[in-house]
Amino acid sequence: MRIAIMSAMSEEIDMLLQELGPDAEMHSRGMRDYYVGELAGHEVVLVFSRWGKVAAAATATHLITEFGVKRLLFSGAAGALAPDLKVGDIVVGTELLQHDIDARPLFKEFETPLLGLSRFPADPDLRRLLTRSAIDFVKEDLESSVPASVRARFGLEAPSIRQGVIVSGDRFISSHADSQSLRDRIPDALCVEMEGAAVAQTCFEYGVDFAIMRVISDSADDTAHIDFVTFIDEVARNYAHGVMLRALAEL
């Protein structure tokens, strides 16, 4: 069974590419490079989704229709909405929702037209798998994967792993007013990003199991741009590398 590993960050894919076997192949389609090879005994396709809901949905569709993937694991970064989430914590999505879809009065706020859903549930087994893999990574691999100086700079003392609602929209949320608005409108949302719910809808429509993991990179407020690139390069890609390899080994 072919498995897709997709990331909203090219740095995460670049690190995983180093693990592919010598027979890996690259296929360029639609301004994306899809890498087919073997990881932890599984045939996988690695790809950078690009940013935003349209880009991510197009990538997921191509993975399903051309490469025939039956399971999809998606990683990336997100801004915290829950007040107790810190930089370096991990959120595994239970449900995904588009916070910027609004077809009222024809449909309810957040409802995806013609599907009758506003929240798309992740596959329970894959979600639990990513959660276990994240817990084990933090306990056993974090210290060796992220240098002490980097952990100190970002305050990565004891990262938590949470399961809950992830919301997506075609805006980089970078002000306190915008993040507070999301908290008011969707009180149970843990974090916000730009792709996950579109991938979830695509997988739902094609009947493909999926799970999504996000590393908290910022507080989705006026400081969201600070050290974001450095965090992705020195922290997030190591998280994705470690957690995805553990998940594949357990599948």
C-alpha atoms as a PDB file:
ATOM      1  CA  MET A   1       0.000   0.000   0.000  1.00  0.00           C
ATOM      2  CA  ARG A   2       1.565   3.256  -1.132  1.00  0.00           C
ATOM      3  CA  ILE A   3       1.723   5.997   1.524  1.00  0.00           C
ATOM      4  CA  ALA A   4       2.064   9.741   0.951  1.00  0.00           C
ATOM      5  CA  ILE A   5       4.142  11.928   3.229  1.00  0.00           C
ATOM      6  CA  MET A   6       3.316  15.512   2.454  1.00  0.00           C
ATOM      7  CA  SER A   7       4.597  18.657   4.115  1.00  0.00           C
ATOM      8  CA  ALA A   8       3.763  22.331   3.962  1.00  0.00           C
ATOM      9  CA  MET A   9       7.479  23.010   4.474  1.00  0.00           C
ATOM     10  CA  SER A  10      10.061  22.126   1.828  1.00  0.00           C
ATOM     11  CA  GLU A  11      12.709  21.857   4.566  1.00  0.00           C
ATOM     12  CA  GLU A  12      10.879  18.901   6.103  1.00  0.00           C
ATOM     13  CA  ILE A  13      10.717  17.049   2.791  1.00  0.00           C
ATOM     14  CA  ASP A  14      14.391  17.772   2.069  1.00  0.00           C
ATOM     15  CA  MET A  15      15.411  16.052   5.302  1.00  0.00           C
ATOM     16  CA  LEU A  16      13.250  12.989   4.664  1.00  0.00           C
ATOM     17  CA  LEU A  17      14.621  12.715   1.131  1.00  0.00           C
ATOM     18  CA  GLN A  18      17.981  11.755   2.592  1.00  0.00           C
ATOM     19  CA  GLU A  19      16.378   8.549   3.906  1.00  0.00           C
ATOM     20  CA  LEU A  20      14.968   7.310   0.587  1.00  0.00           C
ATOM     21  CA  GLY A  21      16.556   4.245  -0.950  1.00  0.00           C
ATOM     22  CA  PRO A  22      18.935   4.389  -3.929  1.00  0.00           C
ATOM     23  CA  ASP A  23      16.168   3.476  -6.367  1.00  0.00           C
ATOM     24  CA  ALA A  24      14.074   6.550  -5.584  1.00  0.00           C
ATOM     25  CA  GLU A  25      12.517   8.312  -8.552  1.00  0.00           C
ATOM     26  CA  MET A  26      11.450  11.923  -9.032  1.00  0.00           C
ATOM     27  CA  HIS A  27       8.363  12.847 -11.041  1.00  0.00           C
ATOM     28  CA  SER A  28       7.705  16.517 -11.850  1.00  0.00           C
ATOM     29  CA  ARG A  29       4.059  17.444 -12.251  1.00  0.00           C
ATOM     30  CA  GLY A  30       2.258  20.756 -11.948  1.00  0.00           C
ATOM     31  CA  MET A  31       5.293  22.660 -10.583  1.00  0.00           C
ATOM     32  CA  ARG A  32       5.839  20.010  -7.895  1.00  0.00           C
ATOM     33  CA  ASP A  33       8.434  17.275  -7.478  1.00  0.00           C
ATOM     34  CA  TYR A  34       7.098  13.920  -6.248  1.00  0.00           C
ATOM     35  CA  TYR A  35       9.693  11.488  -4.912  1.00  0.00           C
ATOM     36  CA  VAL A  36       8.805   7.788  -4.960  1.00  0.00           C
ATOM     37  CA  GLY A  37      10.946   5.425  -2.919  1.00  0.00           C
ATOM     38  CA  GLU A  38      11.128   3.305   0.197  1.00  0.00           C
ATOM     39  CA  LEU A  39      11.107   4.395   3.836  1.00  0.00           C
ATOM     40  CA  ALA A  40      11.004   2.019   6.796  1.00  0.00           C
ATOM     41  CA  GLY A  41       9.902  -0.824   4.560  1.00  0.00           C
ATOM     42  CA  HIS A  42       7.034   1.068   2.917  1.00  0.00           C
ATOM     43  CA  GLU A  43       6.644   2.439  -0.590  1.00  0.00           C
ATOM     44  CA  VAL A  44       6.152   6.169  -0.122  1.00  0.00           C
ATOM     45  CA  VAL A  45       5.694   9.365  -2.083  1.00  0.00           C
ATOM     46  CA  LEU A  46       7.261  12.500  -0.614  1.00  0.00           C
ATOM     47  CA  VAL A  47       6.135  15.945  -1.736  1.00  0.00           C
ATOM     48  CA  PHE A  48       6.151  19.598  -0.676  1.00  0.00           C
ATOM     49  CA  SER A  49       2.525  20.734  -0.842  1.00  0.00           C
ATOM     50  CA  ARG A  50       3.267  24.441  -1.348  1.00  0.00           C
ATOM     51  CA  TRP A  51       1.371  27.008   0.731  1.00  0.00           C
ATOM     52  CA  GLY A  52      -2.358  27.642   0.835  1.00  0.00           C
ATOM     53  CA  LYS A  53      -5.517  25.591   0.499  1.00  0.00           C
ATOM     54  CA  VAL A  54      -5.663  25.445  -3.294  1.00  0.00           C
ATOM     55  CA  ALA A  55      -2.048  24.339  -3.610  1.00  0.00           C
ATOM     56  CA  ALA A  56      -2.409  21.684  -0.919  1.00  0.00           C
ATOM     57  CA  ALA A  57      -5.657  20.313  -2.339  1.00  0.00           C
ATOM     58  CA  ALA A  58      -4.136  20.104  -5.813  1.00  0.00           C
ATOM     59  CA  THR A  59      -1.129  18.226  -4.440  1.00  0.00           C
ATOM     60  CA  ALA A  60      -3.285  15.795  -2.469  1.00  0.00           C
ATOM     61  CA  THR A  61      -5.498  15.163  -5.495  1.00  0.00           C
ATOM     62  CA  HIS A  62      -2.471  14.355  -7.636  1.00  0.00           C
ATOM     63  CA  LEU A  63      -1.101  11.995  -4.981  1.00  0.00           C
ATOM     64  CA  ILE A  64      -4.389  10.102  -4.964  1.00  0.00           C
ATOM     65  CA  THR A  65      -5.257  10.034  -8.654  1.00  0.00           C
ATOM     66  CA  GLU A  66      -1.840   9.598 -10.268  1.00  0.00           C
ATOM     67  CA  PHE A  67       0.249   7.940  -7.576  1.00  0.00           C
ATOM     68  CA  GLY A  68      -2.519   5.833  -6.068  1.00  0.00           C
ATOM     69  CA  VAL A  69      -1.778   6.567  -2.423  1.00  0.00           C
ATOM     70  CA  LYS A  70      -4.180   5.038   0.091  1.00  0.00           C
ATOM     71  CA  ARG A  71      -2.917   6.789   3.211  1.00  0.00           C
ATOM     72  CA  LEU A  72      -1.688  10.354   3.614  1.00  0.00           C
ATOM     73  CA  LEU A  73       0.375  11.805   6.450  1.00  0.00           C
ATOM     74  CA  PHE A  74       0.753  15.582   6.458  1.00  0.00           C
ATOM     75  CA  SER A  75       3.097  17.717   8.558  1.00  0.00           C
ATOM     76  CA  GLY A  76       3.932  21.380   8.921  1.00  0.00           C
ATOM     77  CA  ALA A  77       3.877  24.339  11.292  1.00  0.00           C
ATOM     78  CA  ALA A  78       0.976  26.215  12.874  1.00  0.00           C
ATOM     79  CA  GLY A  79       0.172  29.174  15.066  1.00  0.00           C
ATOM     80  CA  ALA A  80      -1.221  28.487  18.514  1.00  0.00           C
ATOM     81  CA  LEU A  81      -4.784  29.476  19.372  1.00  0.00           C
ATOM     82  CA  ALA A  82      -5.166  27.560  22.630  1.00  0.00           C
ATOM     83  CA  PRO A  83      -3.556  29.757  25.319  1.00  0.00           C
ATOM     84  CA  ASP A  84      -1.625  26.891  26.923  1.00  0.00           C
ATOM     85  CA  LEU A  85       0.152  25.847  23.726  1.00  0.00           C
ATOM     86  CA  LYS A  86       3.801  26.855  23.449  1.00  0.00           C
ATOM     87  CA  VAL A  87       6.353  27.031  20.656  1.00  0.00           C
ATOM     88  CA  GLY A  88       7.595  23.503  20.015  1.00  0.00           C
ATOM     89  CA  ASP A  89       4.410  21.744  21.133  1.00  0.00           C
ATOM     90  CA  ILE A  90       2.777  19.304  18.708  1.00  0.00           C
ATOM     91  CA  VAL A  91      -0.883  19.159  17.686  1.00  0.00           C
ATOM     92  CA  VAL A  92      -2.329  16.100  15.946  1.00  0.00           C
ATOM     93  CA  GLY A  93      -5.636  16.943  14.319  1.00  0.00           C
ATOM     94  CA  THR A  94      -8.831  15.168  15.311  1.00  0.00           C
ATOM     95  CA  GLU A  95     -10.941  17.353  13.002  1.00  0.00           C
ATOM     96  CA  LEU A  96     -10.054  19.931  10.358  1.00  0.00           C
ATOM     97  CA  LEU A  97     -12.146  23.017   9.578  1.00  0.00           C
ATOM     98  CA  GLN A  98     -11.827  25.894   7.088  1.00  0.00           C
ATOM     99  CA  HIS A  99     -12.188  29.068   9.114  1.00  0.00           C
ATOM    100  CA  ASP A 100     -12.564  31.292   6.046  1.00  0.00           C
ATOM    101  CA  ILE A 101     -15.359  29.456   4.235  1.00  0.00           C
ATOM    102  CA  ASP A 102     -18.703  31.224   4.561  1.00  0.00           C
ATOM    103  CA  ALA A 103     -21.531  30.619   2.083  1.00  0.00           C
ATOM    104  CA  ARG A 104     -24.296  32.050   4.287  1.00  0.00           C
ATOM    105  CA  PRO A 105     -27.243  32.299   3.916  1.00  0.00           C
ATOM    106  CA  LEU A 106     -27.186  29.304   1.556  1.00  0.00           C
ATOM    107  CA  PHE A 107     -25.195  27.217   4.043  1.00  0.00           C
ATOM    108  CA  LYS A 108     -24.138  27.532   7.648  1.00  0.00           C
ATOM    109  CA  GLU A 109     -20.914  29.328   8.517  1.00  0.00           C
ATOM    110  CA  PHE A 110     -17.901  27.013   8.020  1.00  0.00           C
ATOM    111  CA  GLU A 111     -20.011  24.407   6.184  1.00  0.00           C
ATOM    112  CA  THR A 112     -18.495  23.092   2.967  1.00  0.00           C
ATOM    113  CA  PRO A 113     -21.151  23.503   0.255  1.00  0.00           C
ATOM    114  CA  LEU A 114     -22.769  20.292  -1.001  1.00  0.00           C
ATOM    115  CA  LEU A 115     -21.017  18.075   1.554  1.00  0.00           C
ATOM    116  CA  GLY A 116     -23.040  19.026   4.632  1.00  0.00           C
ATOM    117  CA  LEU A 117     -19.883  19.106   6.748  1.00  0.00           C
ATOM    118  CA  SER A 118     -17.841  21.794   8.390  1.00  0.00           C
ATOM    119  CA  ARG A 119     -15.373  19.463  10.130  1.00  0.00           C
ATOM    120  CA  PHE A 120     -13.497  16.624   8.469  1.00  0.00           C
ATOM    121  CA  PRO A 121     -12.347  13.906  10.886  1.00  0.00           C
ATOM    122  CA  ALA A 122      -8.878  12.393  10.634  1.00  0.00           C
ATOM    123  CA  ASP A 123      -8.566   8.620  10.528  1.00  0.00           C
ATOM    124  CA  PRO A 124      -8.556   7.484  14.188  1.00  0.00           C
ATOM    125  CA  ASP A 125      -5.851   4.842  13.736  1.00  0.00           C
ATOM    126  CA  LEU A 126      -3.468   7.122  11.852  1.00  0.00           C
ATOM    127  CA  ARG A 127      -4.156   9.929  14.308  1.00  0.00           C
ATOM    128  CA  ARG A 128      -3.281   7.706  17.259  1.00  0.00           C
ATOM    129  CA  LEU A 129      -0.200   6.485  15.403  1.00  0.00           C
ATOM    130  CA  LEU A 130       1.092  10.024  14.875  1.00  0.00           C
ATOM    131  CA  THR A 131       0.350  10.871  18.499  1.00  0.00           C
ATOM    132  CA  ARG A 132       2.303   7.873  19.831  1.00  0.00           C
ATOM    133  CA  SER A 133       5.160   8.610  17.441  1.00  0.00           C
ATOM    134  CA  ALA A 134       5.265  12.254  18.549  1.00  0.00           C
ATOM    135  CA  ILE A 135       5.288  11.281  22.234  1.00  0.00           C
ATOM    136  CA  ASP A 136       8.149   8.825  21.671  1.00  0.00           C
ATOM    137  CA  PHE A 137      10.094  11.350  19.596  1.00  0.00           C
ATOM    138  CA  VAL A 138       9.909  13.994  22.311  1.00  0.00           C
ATOM    139  CA  LYS A 139      10.893  11.498  25.016  1.00  0.00           C
ATOM    140  CA  GLU A 140      13.656   9.679  23.199  1.00  0.00           C
ATOM    141  CA  ASP A 141      14.944  11.706  20.234  1.00  0.00           C
ATOM    142  CA  LEU A 142      14.406  15.409  20.848  1.00  0.00           C
ATOM    143  CA  GLU A 143      17.681  15.993  22.677  1.00  0.00           C
ATOM    144  CA  SER A 144      19.732  14.302  19.966  1.00  0.00           C
ATOM    145  CA  SER A 145      17.764  15.849  17.098  1.00  0.00           C
ATOM    146  CA  VAL A 146      17.700  19.488  18.202  1.00  0.00           C
ATOM    147  CA  PRO A 147      20.900  20.989  19.707  1.00  0.00           C
ATOM    148  CA  ALA A 148      20.723  22.280  23.278  1.00  0.00           C
ATOM    149  CA  SER A 149      21.444  25.845  22.140  1.00  0.00           C
ATOM    150  CA  VAL A 150      18.475  25.757  19.770  1.00  0.00           C
ATOM    151  CA  ARG A 151      16.184  24.218  22.392  1.00  0.00           C
ATOM    152  CA  ALA A 152      17.189  26.983  24.807  1.00  0.00           C
ATOM    153  CA  ARG A 153      16.627  29.722  22.231  1.00  0.00           C
ATOM    154  CA  PHE A 154      13.056  28.566  21.556  1.00  0.00           C
ATOM    155  CA  GLY A 155      12.280  27.405  25.094  1.00  0.00           C
ATOM    156  CA  LEU A 156      11.776  23.754  24.174  1.00  0.00           C
ATOM    157  CA  GLU A 157      11.881  22.397  27.707  1.00  0.00           C
ATOM    158  CA  ALA A 158       9.116  19.782  27.742  1.00  0.00           C
ATOM    159  CA  PRO A 159       7.013  19.968  24.559  1.00  0.00           C
ATOM    160  CA  SER A 160       3.460  18.708  24.940  1.00  0.00           C
ATOM    161  CA  ILE A 161       1.535  16.604  22.436  1.00  0.00           C
ATOM    162  CA  ARG A 162      -2.151  17.427  22.026  1.00  0.00           C
ATOM    163  CA  GLN A 163      -5.000  16.107  19.915  1.00  0.00           C
ATOM    164  CA  GLY A 164      -7.735  18.455  18.800  1.00  0.00           C
ATOM    165  CA  VAL A 165      -9.267  20.716  16.176  1.00  0.00           C
ATOM    166  CA  ILE A 166      -7.006  22.371  13.596  1.00  0.00           C
ATOM    167  CA  VAL A 167      -8.373  25.226  11.494  1.00  0.00           C
ATOM    168  CA  SER A 168      -7.123  26.342   8.099  1.00  0.00           C
ATOM    169  CA  GLY A 169      -7.479  29.421   5.928  1.00  0.00           C
ATOM    170  CA  ASP A 170      -5.733  31.347   3.187  1.00  0.00           C
ATOM    171  CA  ARG A 171      -4.260  33.924   5.553  1.00  0.00           C
ATOM    172  CA  PHE A 172      -1.127  33.892   7.663  1.00  0.00           C
ATOM    173  CA  ILE A 173      -2.604  34.863  11.033  1.00  0.00           C
ATOM    174  CA  SER A 174      -0.188  37.358  12.523  1.00  0.00           C
ATOM    175  CA  SER A 175      -2.105  39.732  14.763  1.00  0.00           C
ATOM    176  CA  HIS A 176      -3.622  39.393  18.204  1.00  0.00           C
ATOM    177  CA  ALA A 177      -6.957  40.709  16.898  1.00  0.00           C
ATOM    178  CA  ASP A 178      -7.183  38.037  14.202  1.00  0.00           C
ATOM    179  CA  SER A 179      -6.205  35.180  16.499  1.00  0.00           C
ATOM    180  CA  GLN A 180      -8.685  36.360  19.141  1.00  0.00           C
ATOM    181  CA  SER A 181     -11.413  36.489  16.517  1.00  0.00           C
ATOM    182  CA  LEU A 182     -10.714  32.852  15.655  1.00  0.00           C
ATOM    183  CA  ARG A 183     -10.812  31.882  19.340  1.00  0.00           C
ATOM    184  CA  ASP A 184     -14.182  33.602  19.707  1.00  0.00           C
ATOM    185  CA  ARG A 185     -15.655  31.996  16.585  1.00  0.00           C
ATOM    186  CA  ILE A 186     -14.175  28.507  17.073  1.00  0.00           C
ATOM    187  CA  PRO A 187     -13.528  28.114  20.809  1.00  0.00           C
ATOM    188  CA  ASP A 188     -12.227  24.529  20.611  1.00  0.00           C
ATOM    189  CA  ALA A 189      -9.636  25.225  17.897  1.00  0.00           C
ATOM    190  CA  LEU A 190      -6.100  24.465  19.076  1.00  0.00           C
ATOM    191  CA  CYS A 191      -4.109  25.985  16.234  1.00  0.00           C
ATOM    192  CA  VAL A 192      -4.329  27.626  12.821  1.00  0.00           C
ATOM    193  CA  GLU A 193      -2.511  27.016   9.542  1.00  0.00           C
ATOM    194  CA  MET A 194      -3.104  27.322   5.789  1.00  0.00           C
ATOM    195  CA  GLU A 195      -3.550  23.850   4.273  1.00  0.00           C
ATOM    196  CA  GLY A 196      -4.817  21.040   6.498  1.00  0.00           C
ATOM    197  CA  ALA A 197      -8.583  21.334   6.081  1.00  0.00           C
ATOM    198  CA  ALA A 198      -8.269  21.433   2.286  1.00  0.00           C
ATOM    199  CA  VAL A 199      -6.249  18.221   2.359  1.00  0.00           C
ATOM    200  CA  ALA A 200      -8.798  16.711   4.743  1.00  0.00           C
ATOM    201  CA  GLN A 201     -11.675  17.569   2.392  1.00  0.00           C
ATOM    202  CA  THR A 202      -9.813  16.108  -0.584  1.00  0.00           C
ATOM    203  CA  CYS A 203      -9.109  12.867   1.280  1.00  0.00           C
ATOM    204  CA  PHE A 204     -12.738  12.693   2.418  1.00  0.00           C
ATOM    205  CA  GLU A 205     -14.038  13.048  -1.115  1.00  0.00           C
ATOM    206  CA  TYR A 206     -11.685  10.333  -2.424  1.00  0.00           C
ATOM    207  CA  GLY A 207     -12.067   7.981   0.537  1.00  0.00           C
ATOM    208  CA  VAL A 208      -8.399   8.148   1.552  1.00  0.00           C
ATOM    209  CA  ASP A 209      -7.303   7.846   5.179  1.00  0.00           C
ATOM    210  CA  PHE A 210      -5.274  10.778   6.482  1.00  0.00           C
ATOM    211  CA  ALA A 211      -3.727  12.283   9.592  1.00  0.00           C
ATOM    212  CA  ILE A 212      -2.190  15.703  10.148  1.00  0.00           C
ATOM    213  CA  MET A 213       0.497  16.839  12.581  1.00  0.00           C
ATOM    214  CA  ARG A 214       1.469  20.453  13.224  1.00  0.00           C
ATOM    215  CA  VAL A 215       4.353  21.844  15.234  1.00  0.00           C
ATOM    216  CA  ILE A 216       3.582  25.123  16.983  1.00  0.00           C
ATOM    217  CA  SER A 217       5.930  27.757  15.568  1.00  0.00           C
ATOM    218  CA  ASP A 218       4.338  30.907  16.981  1.00  0.00           C
ATOM    219  CA  SER A 219       1.359  32.351  18.829  1.00  0.00           C
ATOM    220  CA  ALA A 220      -0.499  33.546  15.698  1.00  0.00           C
ATOM    221  CA  ASP A 221      -0.124  37.140  16.869  1.00  0.00           C
ATOM    222  CA  ASP A 222       2.009  40.195  16.183  1.00  0.00           C
ATOM    223  CA  THR A 223       5.217  38.225  16.885  1.00  0.00           C
ATOM    224  CA  ALA A 224       4.385  35.404  14.444  1.00  0.00           C
ATOM    225  CA  HIS A 225       7.041  36.439  11.906  1.00  0.00           C
ATOM    226  CA  ILE A 226       9.898  36.478  14.430  1.00  0.00           C
ATOM    227  CA  ASP A 227      12.401  33.655  13.843  1.00  0.00           C
ATOM    228  CA  PHE A 228       9.816  31.685  11.827  1.00  0.00           C
ATOM    229  CA  VAL A 229      12.299  30.650   9.110  1.00  0.00           C
ATOM    230  CA  THR A 230      14.931  29.742  11.693  1.00  0.00           C
ATOM    231  CA  PHE A 231      12.415  27.678  13.643  1.00  0.00           C
ATOM    232  CA  ILE A 232      11.433  25.696  10.545  1.00  0.00           C
ATOM    233  CA  ASP A 233      15.041  25.066   9.566  1.00  0.00           C
ATOM    234  CA  GLU A 234      16.400  24.177  13.010  1.00  0.00           C
ATOM    235  CA  VAL A 235      13.401  22.660  14.796  1.00  0.00           C
ATOM    236  CA  ALA A 236      10.316  21.763  12.740  1.00  0.00           C
ATOM    237  CA  ARG A 237      12.079  19.739  10.078  1.00  0.00           C
ATOM    238  CA  ASN A 238      13.731  17.599  12.768  1.00  0.00           C
ATOM    239  CA  TYR A 239      10.332  16.988  14.378  1.00  0.00           C
ATOM    240  CA  ALA A 240       8.803  15.891  11.069  1.00  0.00           C
ATOM    241  CA  HIS A 241      11.754  13.669  10.234  1.00  0.00           C
ATOM    242  CA  GLY A 242      11.691  11.886  13.581  1.00  0.00           C
ATOM    243  CA  VAL A 243       7.942  11.524  13.960  1.00  0.00           C
ATOM    244  CA  MET A 244       7.283  10.354  10.391  1.00  0.00           C
ATOM    245  CA  LEU A 245      10.031   7.726  10.477  1.00  0.00           C
ATOM    246  CA  ARG A 246       8.672   6.392  13.767  1.00  0.00           C
ATOM    247  CA  ALA A 247       5.135   6.305  12.383  1.00  0.00           C
ATOM    248  CA  LEU A 248       6.187   4.422   9.252  1.00  0.00           C
ATOM    249  CA  ALA A 249       8.167   1.910  11.314  1.00  0.00           C
ATOM    250  CA  GLU A 250       5.051   1.130  13.366  1.00  0.00           C
ATOM    251  CA  LEU A 251       2.592   0.883  10.459  1.00  0.00           C
END
